[in-house]
Amino acid sequence: MGKGERAGDSPIGIDVVEGKSYYWCSCGKSSKQPFCDGSHKGTEFKSLVYKANQSKKVFFCTCKQTNDQPLCDGSHNIR
């Protein structure tokens, strides 16, 4: 699976809840960024499950170029 379309140029901070699963959009086409809405159907992409191991704020990638999916690693600063 390759890297998806750029959906944004900065991460989205989300307060995640310990034990809850979040479904990150890997294709970049979701209208509910950073989460999946099923827009990847018919492509090589699928949602990526992030299960929170503790309640805290995490920053989900929207540029889809991160090497630490689904979290931001600053790749949006490199073009």
C-alpha atoms as a PDB file:
ATOM      1  CA  MET A   1       0.000   0.000   0.000  1.00  0.00           C
ATOM      2  CA  GLY A   2       1.362   3.405  -0.964  1.00  0.00           C
ATOM      3  CA  LYS A   3       0.815   6.729   0.718  1.00  0.00           C
ATOM      4  CA  GLY A   4      -2.509   8.483   0.293  1.00  0.00           C
ATOM      5  CA  GLU A   5      -3.471  11.877  -1.086  1.00  0.00           C
ATOM      6  CA  ARG A   6      -2.567  14.911   0.991  1.00  0.00           C
ATOM      7  CA  ALA A   7      -5.717  15.865   2.913  1.00  0.00           C
ATOM      8  CA  GLY A   8      -4.124  18.664   4.931  1.00  0.00           C
ATOM      9  CA  ASP A   9      -0.894  20.391   5.847  1.00  0.00           C
ATOM     10  CA  SER A  10      -1.014  20.055   9.614  1.00  0.00           C
ATOM     11  CA  PRO A  11      -1.971  17.345  12.097  1.00  0.00           C
ATOM     12  CA  ILE A  12      -5.287  17.214  13.918  1.00  0.00           C
ATOM     13  CA  GLY A  13      -5.079  16.912  17.697  1.00  0.00           C
ATOM     14  CA  ILE A  14      -7.631  14.542  19.209  1.00  0.00           C
ATOM     15  CA  ASP A  15      -8.215  13.743  22.881  1.00  0.00           C
ATOM     16  CA  VAL A  16      -8.298   9.942  22.714  1.00  0.00           C
ATOM     17  CA  VAL A  17      -9.832   7.722  25.383  1.00  0.00           C
ATOM     18  CA  GLU A  18      -7.940   4.757  26.819  1.00  0.00           C
ATOM     19  CA  GLY A  19      -9.121   1.470  25.310  1.00  0.00           C
ATOM     20  CA  LYS A  20     -11.077   3.085  22.468  1.00  0.00           C
ATOM     21  CA  SER A  21     -10.258   2.288  18.830  1.00  0.00           C
ATOM     22  CA  TYR A  22      -9.986   5.024  16.193  1.00  0.00           C
ATOM     23  CA  TYR A  23     -10.030   4.350  12.450  1.00  0.00           C
ATOM     24  CA  TRP A  24      -7.550   6.611  10.644  1.00  0.00           C
ATOM     25  CA  CYS A  25      -8.031   7.500   6.980  1.00  0.00           C
ATOM     26  CA  SER A  26      -4.992   6.321   4.999  1.00  0.00           C
ATOM     27  CA  CYS A  27      -6.249   7.278   1.519  1.00  0.00           C
ATOM     28  CA  GLY A  28      -6.732  11.013   2.113  1.00  0.00           C
ATOM     29  CA  LYS A  29     -10.233  11.064   0.574  1.00  0.00           C
ATOM     30  CA  SER A  30     -12.348  10.950   3.734  1.00  0.00           C
ATOM     31  CA  SER A  31     -14.556  13.958   4.444  1.00  0.00           C
ATOM     32  CA  LYS A  32     -14.165  13.204   8.177  1.00  0.00           C
ATOM     33  CA  GLN A  33     -10.392  13.724   8.494  1.00  0.00           C
ATOM     34  CA  PRO A  34      -8.421  12.362  10.169  1.00  0.00           C
ATOM     35  CA  PHE A  35     -10.844   9.448  10.412  1.00  0.00           C
ATOM     36  CA  CYS A  36     -12.121   7.014   7.807  1.00  0.00           C
ATOM     37  CA  ASP A  37     -15.538   7.397   6.173  1.00  0.00           C
ATOM     38  CA  GLY A  38     -15.167   4.498   3.712  1.00  0.00           C
ATOM     39  CA  SER A  39     -14.083   6.644   0.749  1.00  0.00           C
ATOM     40  CA  HIS A  40     -11.197   4.219   0.124  1.00  0.00           C
ATOM     41  CA  LYS A  41     -13.535   1.476  -1.124  1.00  0.00           C
ATOM     42  CA  GLY A  42     -12.337   0.170  -4.487  1.00  0.00           C
ATOM     43  CA  THR A  43      -8.745   1.333  -3.896  1.00  0.00           C
ATOM     44  CA  GLU A  44      -5.637  -0.269  -2.414  1.00  0.00           C
ATOM     45  CA  PHE A  45      -6.196   1.654   0.838  1.00  0.00           C
ATOM     46  CA  LYS A  46      -7.934   0.639   4.057  1.00  0.00           C
ATOM     47  CA  SER A  47      -8.466   2.300   7.411  1.00  0.00           C
ATOM     48  CA  LEU A  48      -5.773   1.863  10.029  1.00  0.00           C
ATOM     49  CA  VAL A  49      -6.885   1.049  13.565  1.00  0.00           C
ATOM     50  CA  TYR A  50      -5.310   3.080  16.380  1.00  0.00           C
ATOM     51  CA  LYS A  51      -6.170   1.760  19.847  1.00  0.00           C
ATOM     52  CA  ALA A  52      -5.463   4.276  22.599  1.00  0.00           C
ATOM     53  CA  ASN A  53      -3.332   2.753  25.357  1.00  0.00           C
ATOM     54  CA  GLN A  54      -4.047   5.755  27.577  1.00  0.00           C
ATOM     55  CA  SER A  55      -6.266   8.837  27.581  1.00  0.00           C
ATOM     56  CA  LYS A  56      -4.271  11.743  26.137  1.00  0.00           C
ATOM     57  CA  LYS A  57      -4.048  14.126  23.191  1.00  0.00           C
ATOM     58  CA  VAL A  58      -2.505  12.624  20.063  1.00  0.00           C
ATOM     59  CA  PHE A  59      -1.846  14.286  16.725  1.00  0.00           C
ATOM     60  CA  PHE A  60      -3.161  12.372  13.730  1.00  0.00           C
ATOM     61  CA  CYS A  61      -1.484  12.927  10.365  1.00  0.00           C
ATOM     62  CA  THR A  62      -3.491  14.550   7.559  1.00  0.00           C
ATOM     63  CA  CYS A  63      -0.755  14.833   4.915  1.00  0.00           C
ATOM     64  CA  LYS A  64      -0.644  10.996   4.709  1.00  0.00           C
ATOM     65  CA  GLN A  65       3.144  11.069   4.205  1.00  0.00           C
ATOM     66  CA  THR A  66       4.037  10.109   7.796  1.00  0.00           C
ATOM     67  CA  ASN A  67       6.318   7.170   8.481  1.00  0.00           C
ATOM     68  CA  ASP A  68       4.607   6.742  11.878  1.00  0.00           C
ATOM     69  CA  GLN A  69       1.031   6.036  10.722  1.00  0.00           C
ATOM     70  CA  PRO A  70      -1.429   7.178  11.923  1.00  0.00           C
ATOM     71  CA  LEU A  71       0.446   9.789  13.943  1.00  0.00           C
ATOM     72  CA  CYS A  72       2.139  12.928  12.654  1.00  0.00           C
ATOM     73  CA  ASP A  73       5.931  12.776  12.348  1.00  0.00           C
ATOM     74  CA  GLY A  74       6.412  16.210  10.759  1.00  0.00           C
ATOM     75  CA  SER A  75       6.485  14.913   7.166  1.00  0.00           C
ATOM     76  CA  HIS A  76       4.055  17.701   6.180  1.00  0.00           C
ATOM     77  CA  ASN A  77       7.021  20.089   6.508  1.00  0.00           C
ATOM     78  CA  ILE A  78       8.910  18.270   3.726  1.00  0.00           C
ATOM     79  CA  ARG A  79       7.662  18.754   0.185  1.00  0.00           C
END
